[in-house]
Amino acid sequence: MARRQPLHGAAAGTIIAILAMIVLAADQFVKYLTITHLPEQKAVPVLGSFLQLYYIRNAGAAFSIGEGATWIFTIALTAVAAVIVWKSFSTRSRLWAVVLGALLGGVLGNLGDRLFRAPGFPMGHVVDMISMPWMIPAIFNVADVFIVTGMISIALLIITGLRLDGTRERTAPTRDTPADEDPAASDAAARPGDGA
């Protein structure tokens, strides 16, 4: 099977930008529907207690941690977005481009809330609406889904050895592999000897 050629820098950047815009648009559209159609802090069953909609505004992180330090999350999201944009210039892997694009879209979704929603810049509260009380007590949003899956995907890409440039890390050869054989001895064995 022919190996796929690495992406050109412009192609990788385009994939990242398009996916980021799609995720950002989806996140903001769901938040718009939430604000305009859902009652605040009241559970609306979708699939019984398996999946509910529960509109809240979250000043903190997951599980409402750090509600008094919203500006810290704004700085953190800005830093993550900047790193992803910076890494996009060295990305040549399709998988990495997809993962970074989805992650960037999620980060920008929540960063937009921090910057532009009440009570104001840069202390805005994130709009959350998805509740699965049987699994986790936290209430989250579309951006959170892409942030979490993006971070898990990055961990898997690192574990499997796929680099940003599309190459894979090679494992170090063991003593039992032919790579450790003495090249001179191998060459001598391959040539007809002068033996008696």
N, C-alpha and C. Protein backbone atom coordinates (compact mmCIF):
# COMPACT_ATOMS: atom_id res chain seq x y z
N MET A 1 0.85 -1.19 0.00
CA MET A 1 0.00 0.00 0.00
C MET A 1 0.89 1.25 0.00
N ALA A 2 0.60 2.18 -0.91
CA ALA A 2 1.39 3.40 -1.00
C ALA A 2 1.13 4.28 0.20
N ARG A 3 2.22 4.85 0.72
CA ARG A 3 2.09 5.71 1.89
C ARG A 3 1.61 7.09 1.47
N ARG A 4 0.69 7.64 2.25
CA ARG A 4 0.17 8.98 1.94
C ARG A 4 1.27 10.01 2.11
N GLN A 5 1.31 10.94 1.17
CA GLN A 5 2.28 12.03 1.25
C GLN A 5 1.84 13.02 2.33
N PRO A 6 2.82 13.63 3.03
CA PRO A 6 2.46 14.64 4.03
C PRO A 6 1.75 15.82 3.38
N LEU A 7 0.92 16.48 4.14
CA LEU A 7 0.21 17.65 3.65
C LEU A 7 1.17 18.82 3.47
N HIS A 8 0.87 19.70 2.54
CA HIS A 8 1.57 20.97 2.47
C HIS A 8 1.09 21.83 3.64
N GLY A 9 1.93 22.75 4.05
CA GLY A 9 1.57 23.60 5.19
C GLY A 9 0.26 24.33 4.99
N ALA A 10 0.04 24.84 3.78
CA ALA A 10 -1.20 25.58 3.52
C ALA A 10 -2.41 24.67 3.63
N ALA A 11 -2.28 23.41 3.18
CA ALA A 11 -3.41 22.48 3.24
C ALA A 11 -3.75 22.14 4.69
N ALA A 12 -2.72 21.90 5.50
CA ALA A 12 -2.95 21.59 6.91
C ALA A 12 -3.60 22.77 7.62
N GLY A 13 -3.09 23.97 7.34
CA GLY A 13 -3.67 25.17 7.95
C GLY A 13 -5.11 25.38 7.54
N THR A 14 -5.42 25.05 6.27
CA THR A 14 -6.80 25.20 5.78
C THR A 14 -7.73 24.22 6.50
N ILE A 15 -7.29 22.97 6.67
CA ILE A 15 -8.10 21.97 7.37
C ILE A 15 -8.37 22.44 8.80
N ILE A 16 -7.33 22.89 9.47
CA ILE A 16 -7.47 23.35 10.86
C ILE A 16 -8.44 24.53 10.94
N ALA A 17 -8.29 25.49 10.04
CA ALA A 17 -9.14 26.69 10.07
C ALA A 17 -10.60 26.34 9.78
N ILE A 18 -10.84 25.49 8.77
CA ILE A 18 -12.22 25.14 8.40
C ILE A 18 -12.91 24.38 9.53
N LEU A 19 -12.22 23.38 10.09
CA LEU A 19 -12.81 22.61 11.19
C LEU A 19 -13.06 23.50 12.41
N ALA A 20 -12.12 24.39 12.69
CA ALA A 20 -12.30 25.29 13.84
C ALA A 20 -13.53 26.16 13.64
N MET A 21 -13.74 26.67 12.44
CA MET A 21 -14.91 27.53 12.17
C MET A 21 -16.21 26.74 12.27
N ILE A 22 -16.19 25.47 11.79
CA ILE A 22 -17.40 24.64 11.86
C ILE A 22 -17.77 24.36 13.31
N VAL A 23 -16.77 23.96 14.11
CA VAL A 23 -17.03 23.66 15.53
C VAL A 23 -17.47 24.91 16.27
N LEU A 24 -16.80 26.02 16.01
CA LEU A 24 -17.17 27.29 16.65
C LEU A 24 -18.60 27.69 16.30
N ALA A 25 -18.96 27.57 15.01
CA ALA A 25 -20.32 27.93 14.58
C ALA A 25 -21.36 27.03 15.23
N ALA A 26 -21.07 25.72 15.28
CA ALA A 26 -22.02 24.78 15.90
C ALA A 26 -22.20 25.09 17.38
N ASP A 27 -21.09 25.36 18.06
CA ASP A 27 -21.14 25.67 19.50
C ASP A 27 -21.96 26.93 19.75
N GLN A 28 -21.69 27.98 19.00
CA GLN A 28 -22.39 29.24 19.22
C GLN A 28 -23.87 29.15 18.82
N PHE A 29 -24.18 28.36 17.80
CA PHE A 29 -25.57 28.19 17.40
C PHE A 29 -26.37 27.47 18.49
N VAL A 30 -25.78 26.42 19.06
CA VAL A 30 -26.46 25.69 20.14
C VAL A 30 -26.61 26.60 21.36
N LYS A 31 -25.62 27.42 21.63
CA LYS A 31 -25.73 28.36 22.75
C LYS A 31 -26.84 29.40 22.49
N TYR A 32 -26.94 29.86 21.25
CA TYR A 32 -28.00 30.80 20.90
C TYR A 32 -29.38 30.16 21.12
N LEU A 33 -29.55 28.91 20.66
CA LEU A 33 -30.82 28.21 20.86
C LEU A 33 -31.11 28.02 22.35
N THR A 34 -30.06 27.74 23.11
CA THR A 34 -30.22 27.54 24.55
C THR A 34 -30.73 28.82 25.22
N ILE A 35 -30.09 29.94 24.91
CA ILE A 35 -30.46 31.21 25.53
C ILE A 35 -31.87 31.64 25.15
N THR A 36 -32.24 31.39 23.90
CA THR A 36 -33.54 31.89 23.42
C THR A 36 -34.70 30.94 23.70
N HIS A 37 -34.43 29.65 23.96
CA HIS A 37 -35.54 28.70 24.06
C HIS A 37 -35.61 27.91 25.37
N LEU A 38 -34.55 27.90 26.15
CA LEU A 38 -34.57 27.08 27.37
C LEU A 38 -34.75 27.94 28.61
N PRO A 39 -35.50 27.43 29.58
CA PRO A 39 -35.57 28.13 30.88
C PRO A 39 -34.25 27.95 31.62
N GLU A 40 -33.86 28.96 32.35
CA GLU A 40 -32.58 28.88 33.06
C GLU A 40 -32.73 28.04 34.33
N GLN A 41 -31.75 27.16 34.54
CA GLN A 41 -31.64 26.31 35.73
C GLN A 41 -32.90 25.47 35.95
N LYS A 42 -33.37 24.86 34.87
CA LYS A 42 -34.50 23.93 34.97
C LYS A 42 -34.26 22.78 33.99
N ALA A 43 -34.30 21.56 34.49
CA ALA A 43 -34.02 20.39 33.66
C ALA A 43 -35.13 20.16 32.64
N VAL A 44 -34.70 19.93 31.40
CA VAL A 44 -35.63 19.60 30.32
C VAL A 44 -35.23 18.23 29.79
N PRO A 45 -35.96 17.16 30.12
CA PRO A 45 -35.58 15.82 29.69
C PRO A 45 -35.61 15.67 28.17
N VAL A 46 -34.57 15.04 27.63
CA VAL A 46 -34.51 14.70 26.21
C VAL A 46 -34.67 13.20 26.05
N LEU A 47 -33.87 12.45 26.81
CA LEU A 47 -33.99 10.99 26.87
C LEU A 47 -34.09 10.59 28.34
N GLY A 48 -35.15 11.02 28.97
CA GLY A 48 -35.34 10.73 30.39
C GLY A 48 -34.22 11.33 31.21
N SER A 49 -33.69 10.55 32.14
CA SER A 49 -32.57 11.01 32.96
C SER A 49 -31.22 10.70 32.30
N PHE A 50 -31.27 10.03 31.14
CA PHE A 50 -30.03 9.72 30.42
C PHE A 50 -29.41 10.98 29.83
N LEU A 51 -30.24 11.82 29.22
CA LEU A 51 -29.78 13.06 28.61
C LEU A 51 -30.80 14.15 28.88
N GLN A 52 -30.32 15.24 29.45
CA GLN A 52 -31.19 16.37 29.76
C GLN A 52 -30.54 17.67 29.26
N LEU A 53 -31.37 18.66 29.04
CA LEU A 53 -30.89 20.00 28.78
C LEU A 53 -31.09 20.82 30.04
N TYR A 54 -30.04 21.50 30.46
CA TYR A 54 -30.10 22.27 31.70
C TYR A 54 -29.26 23.53 31.50
N TYR A 55 -29.92 24.65 31.27
CA TYR A 55 -29.25 25.90 30.92
C TYR A 55 -28.70 26.60 32.16
N ILE A 56 -27.39 26.74 32.19
CA ILE A 56 -26.74 27.52 33.24
C ILE A 56 -25.64 28.39 32.62
N ARG A 57 -25.23 29.40 33.36
CA ARG A 57 -24.08 30.22 32.98
C ARG A 57 -22.97 29.94 33.99
N ASN A 58 -21.85 29.48 33.49
CA ASN A 58 -20.77 29.00 34.35
C ASN A 58 -19.61 29.99 34.35
N ALA A 59 -19.30 30.52 35.53
CA ALA A 59 -18.17 31.45 35.66
C ALA A 59 -16.86 30.72 35.81
N GLY A 60 -16.91 29.44 36.19
CA GLY A 60 -15.69 28.69 36.46
C GLY A 60 -15.37 27.68 35.37
N ALA A 61 -14.59 26.69 35.76
CA ALA A 61 -14.22 25.61 34.85
C ALA A 61 -15.19 24.45 35.07
N ALA A 62 -14.75 23.24 34.74
CA ALA A 62 -15.59 22.07 34.95
C ALA A 62 -15.96 21.96 36.42
N PHE A 63 -17.19 21.52 36.68
CA PHE A 63 -17.72 21.38 38.04
C PHE A 63 -17.75 22.73 38.77
N SER A 64 -17.78 23.82 37.99
CA SER A 64 -17.83 25.19 38.53
C SER A 64 -16.62 25.54 39.40
N ILE A 65 -15.50 24.88 39.14
CA ILE A 65 -14.27 25.17 39.90
C ILE A 65 -13.74 26.54 39.50
N GLY A 66 -13.30 27.30 40.45
CA GLY A 66 -12.66 28.58 40.18
C GLY A 66 -13.59 29.68 39.73
N GLU A 67 -14.80 29.71 40.26
CA GLU A 67 -15.77 30.71 39.82
C GLU A 67 -15.33 32.14 40.11
N GLY A 68 -14.45 32.31 41.10
CA GLY A 68 -13.99 33.66 41.43
C GLY A 68 -12.77 34.10 40.64
N ALA A 69 -12.30 33.27 39.73
CA ALA A 69 -11.09 33.59 38.96
C ALA A 69 -11.32 33.37 37.48
N THR A 70 -12.42 33.91 36.96
CA THR A 70 -12.79 33.72 35.56
C THR A 70 -11.70 34.20 34.61
N TRP A 71 -11.03 35.28 34.95
CA TRP A 71 -10.01 35.86 34.07
C TRP A 71 -8.86 34.88 33.83
N ILE A 72 -8.58 33.99 34.79
CA ILE A 72 -7.52 33.00 34.61
C ILE A 72 -7.88 32.05 33.47
N PHE A 73 -9.14 31.65 33.39
CA PHE A 73 -9.57 30.76 32.32
C PHE A 73 -9.52 31.45 30.96
N THR A 74 -9.78 32.76 30.95
CA THR A 74 -9.67 33.53 29.72
C THR A 74 -8.23 33.52 29.22
N ILE A 75 -7.29 33.74 30.13
CA ILE A 75 -5.87 33.73 29.75
C ILE A 75 -5.46 32.33 29.28
N ALA A 76 -5.90 31.30 30.00
CA ALA A 76 -5.54 29.92 29.64
C ALA A 76 -6.08 29.55 28.26
N LEU A 77 -7.33 29.90 27.98
CA LEU A 77 -7.92 29.59 26.67
C LEU A 77 -7.20 30.34 25.56
N THR A 78 -6.83 31.60 25.82
CA THR A 78 -6.09 32.37 24.83
C THR A 78 -4.74 31.74 24.54
N ALA A 79 -4.06 31.28 25.60
CA ALA A 79 -2.75 30.64 25.43
C ALA A 79 -2.87 29.35 24.62
N VAL A 80 -3.89 28.54 24.92
CA VAL A 80 -4.09 27.28 24.19
C VAL A 80 -4.37 27.56 22.72
N ALA A 81 -5.22 28.53 22.45
CA ALA A 81 -5.53 28.88 21.06
C ALA A 81 -4.28 29.34 20.33
N ALA A 82 -3.44 30.14 20.99
CA ALA A 82 -2.20 30.63 20.38
C ALA A 82 -1.25 29.48 20.07
N VAL A 83 -1.14 28.52 20.98
CA VAL A 83 -0.25 27.37 20.75
C VAL A 83 -0.75 26.55 19.57
N ILE A 84 -2.05 26.32 19.47
CA ILE A 84 -2.60 25.54 18.36
C ILE A 84 -2.32 26.24 17.03
N VAL A 85 -2.53 27.55 16.98
CA VAL A 85 -2.25 28.30 15.75
C VAL A 85 -0.76 28.20 15.40
N TRP A 86 0.09 28.32 16.40
CA TRP A 86 1.54 28.23 16.17
C TRP A 86 1.91 26.84 15.65
N LYS A 87 1.36 25.78 16.25
CA LYS A 87 1.65 24.42 15.82
C LYS A 87 1.10 24.11 14.44
N SER A 88 0.07 24.83 14.03
CA SER A 88 -0.52 24.56 12.72
C SER A 88 0.47 24.82 11.59
N PHE A 89 1.46 25.69 11.82
CA PHE A 89 2.45 26.01 10.79
C PHE A 89 3.42 24.85 10.56
N SER A 90 3.56 23.96 11.54
CA SER A 90 4.47 22.81 11.37
C SER A 90 3.73 21.50 11.18
N THR A 91 2.40 21.56 11.09
CA THR A 91 1.60 20.34 10.95
C THR A 91 1.59 19.88 9.49
N ARG A 92 1.88 18.60 9.28
CA ARG A 92 1.81 17.99 7.95
C ARG A 92 0.97 16.72 7.96
N SER A 93 0.49 16.35 9.12
CA SER A 93 -0.31 15.14 9.29
C SER A 93 -1.79 15.46 9.20
N ARG A 94 -2.52 14.67 8.43
CA ARG A 94 -3.96 14.88 8.31
C ARG A 94 -4.66 14.67 9.65
N LEU A 95 -4.27 13.61 10.36
CA LEU A 95 -4.91 13.33 11.65
C LEU A 95 -4.67 14.48 12.64
N TRP A 96 -3.43 14.95 12.69
CA TRP A 96 -3.13 16.06 13.59
C TRP A 96 -3.91 17.30 13.19
N ALA A 97 -4.05 17.55 11.89
CA ALA A 97 -4.79 18.72 11.43
C ALA A 97 -6.25 18.65 11.86
N VAL A 98 -6.86 17.47 11.74
CA VAL A 98 -8.26 17.29 12.14
C VAL A 98 -8.41 17.50 13.64
N VAL A 99 -7.53 16.89 14.42
CA VAL A 99 -7.62 17.00 15.87
C VAL A 99 -7.39 18.44 16.33
N LEU A 100 -6.37 19.10 15.77
CA LEU A 100 -6.09 20.48 16.18
C LEU A 100 -7.21 21.43 15.75
N GLY A 101 -7.80 21.18 14.58
CA GLY A 101 -8.91 22.03 14.14
C GLY A 101 -10.11 21.92 15.05
N ALA A 102 -10.47 20.67 15.41
CA ALA A 102 -11.61 20.46 16.30
C ALA A 102 -11.33 21.05 17.69
N LEU A 103 -10.12 20.86 18.18
CA LEU A 103 -9.76 21.40 19.49
C LEU A 103 -9.77 22.93 19.48
N LEU A 104 -9.23 23.52 18.42
CA LEU A 104 -9.22 24.99 18.32
C LEU A 104 -10.64 25.54 18.29
N GLY A 105 -11.54 24.88 17.57
CA GLY A 105 -12.93 25.33 17.53
C GLY A 105 -13.57 25.30 18.90
N GLY A 106 -13.31 24.24 19.67
CA GLY A 106 -13.85 24.16 21.02
C GLY A 106 -13.29 25.24 21.93
N VAL A 107 -11.99 25.46 21.84
CA VAL A 107 -11.35 26.50 22.66
C VAL A 107 -11.92 27.87 22.32
N LEU A 108 -12.06 28.16 21.02
CA LEU A 108 -12.59 29.47 20.61
C LEU A 108 -14.05 29.65 21.03
N GLY A 109 -14.80 28.54 21.06
CA GLY A 109 -16.19 28.61 21.49
C GLY A 109 -16.32 29.11 22.92
N ASN A 110 -15.55 28.53 23.81
CA ASN A 110 -15.61 28.97 25.21
C ASN A 110 -14.89 30.29 25.43
N LEU A 111 -13.81 30.54 24.66
CA LEU A 111 -13.11 31.81 24.78
C LEU A 111 -14.03 32.97 24.36
N GLY A 112 -14.83 32.74 23.33
CA GLY A 112 -15.78 33.78 22.90
C GLY A 112 -16.76 34.14 24.02
N ASP A 113 -17.20 33.12 24.76
CA ASP A 113 -18.08 33.40 25.90
C ASP A 113 -17.36 34.23 26.95
N ARG A 114 -16.12 33.87 27.24
CA ARG A 114 -15.35 34.60 28.26
C ARG A 114 -15.15 36.06 27.86
N LEU A 115 -14.99 36.30 26.57
CA LEU A 115 -14.68 37.65 26.12
C LEU A 115 -15.92 38.52 25.91
N PHE A 116 -17.02 37.92 25.45
CA PHE A 116 -18.12 38.74 24.96
C PHE A 116 -19.45 38.59 25.70
N ARG A 117 -19.58 37.61 26.59
CA ARG A 117 -20.85 37.45 27.30
C ARG A 117 -20.80 38.16 28.65
N ALA A 118 -22.01 38.34 29.21
CA ALA A 118 -22.12 38.98 30.53
C ALA A 118 -21.39 38.14 31.57
N PRO A 119 -20.80 38.76 32.58
CA PRO A 119 -20.93 40.17 32.95
C PRO A 119 -19.98 41.11 32.22
N GLY A 120 -19.17 40.61 31.27
CA GLY A 120 -18.34 41.50 30.47
C GLY A 120 -16.92 41.01 30.33
N PHE A 121 -16.20 41.63 29.41
CA PHE A 121 -14.81 41.29 29.07
C PHE A 121 -13.90 41.49 30.26
N PRO A 122 -12.99 40.56 30.58
CA PRO A 122 -12.85 39.19 30.10
C PRO A 122 -13.43 38.18 31.09
N MET A 123 -14.51 38.56 31.73
CA MET A 123 -15.08 37.79 32.83
C MET A 123 -16.39 37.09 32.45
N GLY A 124 -16.65 36.95 31.16
CA GLY A 124 -17.91 36.37 30.71
C GLY A 124 -18.13 34.95 31.21
N HIS A 125 -19.39 34.62 31.41
CA HIS A 125 -19.76 33.28 31.86
C HIS A 125 -20.08 32.39 30.66
N VAL A 126 -19.59 31.17 30.70
CA VAL A 126 -19.80 30.22 29.61
C VAL A 126 -21.21 29.64 29.69
N VAL A 127 -21.88 29.55 28.55
CA VAL A 127 -23.22 28.97 28.50
C VAL A 127 -23.09 27.45 28.39
N ASP A 128 -23.64 26.74 29.37
CA ASP A 128 -23.65 25.27 29.38
C ASP A 128 -25.09 24.79 29.31
N MET A 129 -25.28 23.59 28.73
CA MET A 129 -26.67 23.11 28.58
C MET A 129 -26.82 21.59 28.51
N ILE A 130 -25.77 20.83 28.41
CA ILE A 130 -25.88 19.38 28.25
C ILE A 130 -25.65 18.72 29.61
N SER A 131 -26.60 17.91 30.01
CA SER A 131 -26.51 17.24 31.31
C SER A 131 -26.74 15.74 31.14
N MET A 132 -25.81 14.95 31.67
CA MET A 132 -25.94 13.49 31.70
C MET A 132 -25.68 13.04 33.13
N PRO A 133 -26.66 13.26 34.02
CA PRO A 133 -26.43 13.06 35.46
C PRO A 133 -26.04 11.64 35.84
N TRP A 134 -26.39 10.66 35.03
CA TRP A 134 -26.04 9.26 35.34
C TRP A 134 -24.54 9.02 35.17
N MET A 135 -23.87 9.87 34.37
CA MET A 135 -22.46 9.64 34.08
C MET A 135 -21.56 10.60 34.85
N ILE A 136 -21.81 11.91 34.70
CA ILE A 136 -21.01 12.92 35.40
C ILE A 136 -21.94 14.01 35.92
N PRO A 137 -21.61 14.60 37.06
CA PRO A 137 -22.48 15.65 37.60
C PRO A 137 -22.31 16.99 36.88
N ALA A 138 -21.28 17.13 36.04
CA ALA A 138 -21.03 18.41 35.39
C ALA A 138 -22.03 18.66 34.26
N ILE A 139 -22.30 19.93 34.01
CA ILE A 139 -23.11 20.36 32.87
C ILE A 139 -22.14 21.01 31.89
N PHE A 140 -22.23 20.63 30.61
CA PHE A 140 -21.22 21.07 29.65
C PHE A 140 -21.89 21.54 28.37
N ASN A 141 -21.06 21.89 27.37
CA ASN A 141 -21.57 22.39 26.11
C ASN A 141 -20.85 21.73 24.94
N VAL A 142 -21.19 22.15 23.73
CA VAL A 142 -20.60 21.56 22.53
C VAL A 142 -19.09 21.79 22.50
N ALA A 143 -18.65 22.99 22.86
CA ALA A 143 -17.22 23.29 22.87
C ALA A 143 -16.48 22.35 23.82
N ASP A 144 -17.06 22.10 24.99
CA ASP A 144 -16.42 21.20 25.95
C ASP A 144 -16.23 19.81 25.37
N VAL A 145 -17.21 19.33 24.62
CA VAL A 145 -17.12 18.00 24.01
C VAL A 145 -15.90 17.93 23.10
N PHE A 146 -15.70 18.96 22.28
CA PHE A 146 -14.57 18.96 21.35
C PHE A 146 -13.24 19.18 22.06
N ILE A 147 -13.25 19.93 23.15
CA ILE A 147 -12.03 20.13 23.92
C ILE A 147 -11.58 18.81 24.55
N VAL A 148 -12.52 18.11 25.19
CA VAL A 148 -12.18 16.85 25.86
C VAL A 148 -11.75 15.79 24.84
N THR A 149 -12.53 15.61 23.77
CA THR A 149 -12.17 14.61 22.77
C THR A 149 -10.86 15.00 22.06
N GLY A 150 -10.64 16.31 21.88
CA GLY A 150 -9.39 16.75 21.27
C GLY A 150 -8.19 16.41 22.13
N MET A 151 -8.29 16.65 23.43
CA MET A 151 -7.17 16.34 24.34
C MET A 151 -6.91 14.84 24.42
N ILE A 152 -7.98 14.04 24.44
CA ILE A 152 -7.81 12.58 24.44
C ILE A 152 -7.15 12.14 23.14
N SER A 153 -7.58 12.71 22.02
CA SER A 153 -7.01 12.35 20.72
C SER A 153 -5.53 12.72 20.63
N ILE A 154 -5.16 13.88 21.18
CA ILE A 154 -3.75 14.28 21.19
C ILE A 154 -2.93 13.28 21.98
N ALA A 155 -3.45 12.86 23.13
CA ALA A 155 -2.74 11.87 23.94
C ALA A 155 -2.54 10.57 23.16
N LEU A 156 -3.57 10.13 22.44
CA LEU A 156 -3.47 8.90 21.65
C LEU A 156 -2.48 9.05 20.50
N LEU A 157 -2.46 10.20 19.85
CA LEU A 157 -1.51 10.43 18.76
C LEU A 157 -0.07 10.41 19.28
N ILE A 158 0.13 10.99 20.46
CA ILE A 158 1.47 10.98 21.05
C ILE A 158 1.87 9.56 21.44
N ILE A 159 0.95 8.82 22.05
CA ILE A 159 1.24 7.44 22.47
C ILE A 159 1.58 6.56 21.27
N THR A 160 0.85 6.75 20.16
CA THR A 160 1.10 5.93 18.97
C THR A 160 2.30 6.42 18.16
N GLY A 161 2.90 7.54 18.57
CA GLY A 161 4.14 7.98 17.95
C GLY A 161 3.97 8.79 16.67
N LEU A 162 2.77 9.26 16.39
CA LEU A 162 2.56 10.07 15.18
C LEU A 162 2.96 11.50 15.46
N ARG A 163 3.93 11.99 14.69
CA ARG A 163 4.40 13.35 14.88
C ARG A 163 3.58 14.34 14.05
N LEU A 164 3.73 15.62 14.37
CA LEU A 164 3.02 16.66 13.64
C LEU A 164 3.38 16.67 12.15
N ASP A 165 4.61 16.28 11.83
CA ASP A 165 5.04 16.32 10.43
C ASP A 165 4.59 15.08 9.64
N GLY A 166 3.84 14.19 10.30
CA GLY A 166 3.30 13.02 9.62
C GLY A 166 4.16 11.78 9.73
N THR A 167 5.37 11.90 10.28
CA THR A 167 6.24 10.73 10.46
C THR A 167 5.92 10.07 11.78
N ARG A 168 6.40 8.84 11.94
CA ARG A 168 6.19 8.10 13.18
C ARG A 168 7.51 7.88 13.88
N GLU A 169 7.47 7.94 15.21
CA GLU A 169 8.66 7.63 15.99
C GLU A 169 8.98 6.17 15.84
N ARG A 170 10.27 5.88 15.69
CA ARG A 170 10.69 4.49 15.58
C ARG A 170 11.18 4.03 16.93
N THR A 171 10.83 2.79 17.26
CA THR A 171 11.31 2.24 18.53
C THR A 171 12.77 1.90 18.41
N ALA A 172 13.48 2.03 19.51
CA ALA A 172 14.91 1.72 19.50
C ALA A 172 15.11 0.24 19.25
N PRO A 173 16.08 -0.13 18.38
CA PRO A 173 16.31 -1.55 18.10
C PRO A 173 16.82 -2.28 19.33
N THR A 174 16.42 -3.53 19.47
CA THR A 174 16.87 -4.35 20.60
C THR A 174 18.14 -5.09 20.22
N ARG A 175 18.76 -5.73 21.20
CA ARG A 175 20.01 -6.44 20.94
C ARG A 175 19.80 -7.65 20.04
N ASP A 176 18.59 -8.16 20.00
CA ASP A 176 18.33 -9.36 19.21
C ASP A 176 17.99 -9.06 17.75
N THR A 177 17.88 -7.78 17.41
CA THR A 177 17.48 -7.44 16.04
C THR A 177 18.69 -7.33 15.15
N PRO A 178 18.53 -7.57 13.84
CA PRO A 178 19.64 -7.47 12.91
C PRO A 178 20.28 -6.10 12.89
N ALA A 179 19.53 -5.06 13.35
CA ALA A 179 20.09 -3.71 13.33
C ALA A 179 21.31 -3.59 14.21
N ASP A 180 21.49 -4.51 15.20
CA ASP A 180 22.63 -4.45 16.10
C ASP A 180 23.79 -5.31 15.63
N GLU A 181 23.60 -6.02 14.54
CA GLU A 181 24.69 -6.86 14.06
C GLU A 181 25.82 -5.99 13.55
N ASP A 182 27.02 -6.51 13.67
CA ASP A 182 28.20 -5.78 13.19
C ASP A 182 28.17 -5.76 11.67
N PRO A 183 28.15 -4.57 11.04
CA PRO A 183 28.08 -4.51 9.58
C PRO A 183 29.26 -5.19 8.91
N ALA A 184 30.45 -5.09 9.52
CA ALA A 184 31.62 -5.72 8.92
C ALA A 184 31.48 -7.23 8.91
N ALA A 185 30.94 -7.77 10.02
CA ALA A 185 30.76 -9.23 10.09
C ALA A 185 29.72 -9.67 9.10
N SER A 186 28.67 -8.87 8.92
CA SER A 186 27.62 -9.23 7.97
C SER A 186 28.15 -9.23 6.56
N ASP A 187 29.02 -8.24 6.23
CA ASP A 187 29.60 -8.16 4.89
C ASP A 187 30.52 -9.34 4.63
N ALA A 188 31.30 -9.72 5.66
CA ALA A 188 32.23 -10.84 5.49
C ALA A 188 31.48 -12.12 5.29
N ALA A 189 30.37 -12.29 5.98
CA ALA A 189 29.60 -13.51 5.83
C ALA A 189 28.95 -13.58 4.46
N ALA A 190 28.67 -12.42 3.88
CA ALA A 190 28.00 -12.40 2.59
C ALA A 190 28.96 -12.68 1.46
N ARG A 191 30.33 -12.45 1.69
CA ARG A 191 31.32 -12.68 0.63
C ARG A 191 31.84 -14.09 0.70
N PRO A 192 32.22 -14.68 -0.45
CA PRO A 192 32.82 -16.02 -0.42
C PRO A 192 34.14 -15.95 0.33
N GLY A 193 34.40 -16.89 1.23
CA GLY A 193 35.61 -16.83 2.04
C GLY A 193 36.80 -17.49 1.35
N ASP A 194 37.99 -17.31 1.97
CA ASP A 194 39.23 -17.92 1.47
C ASP A 194 39.51 -19.20 2.21
N GLY A 195 38.50 -19.75 2.86
CA GLY A 195 38.70 -20.86 3.78
C GLY A 195 39.45 -22.03 3.18
N ALA A 196 39.97 -22.85 4.08
CA ALA A 196 40.79 -23.99 3.70
C ALA A 196 39.95 -25.06 3.05
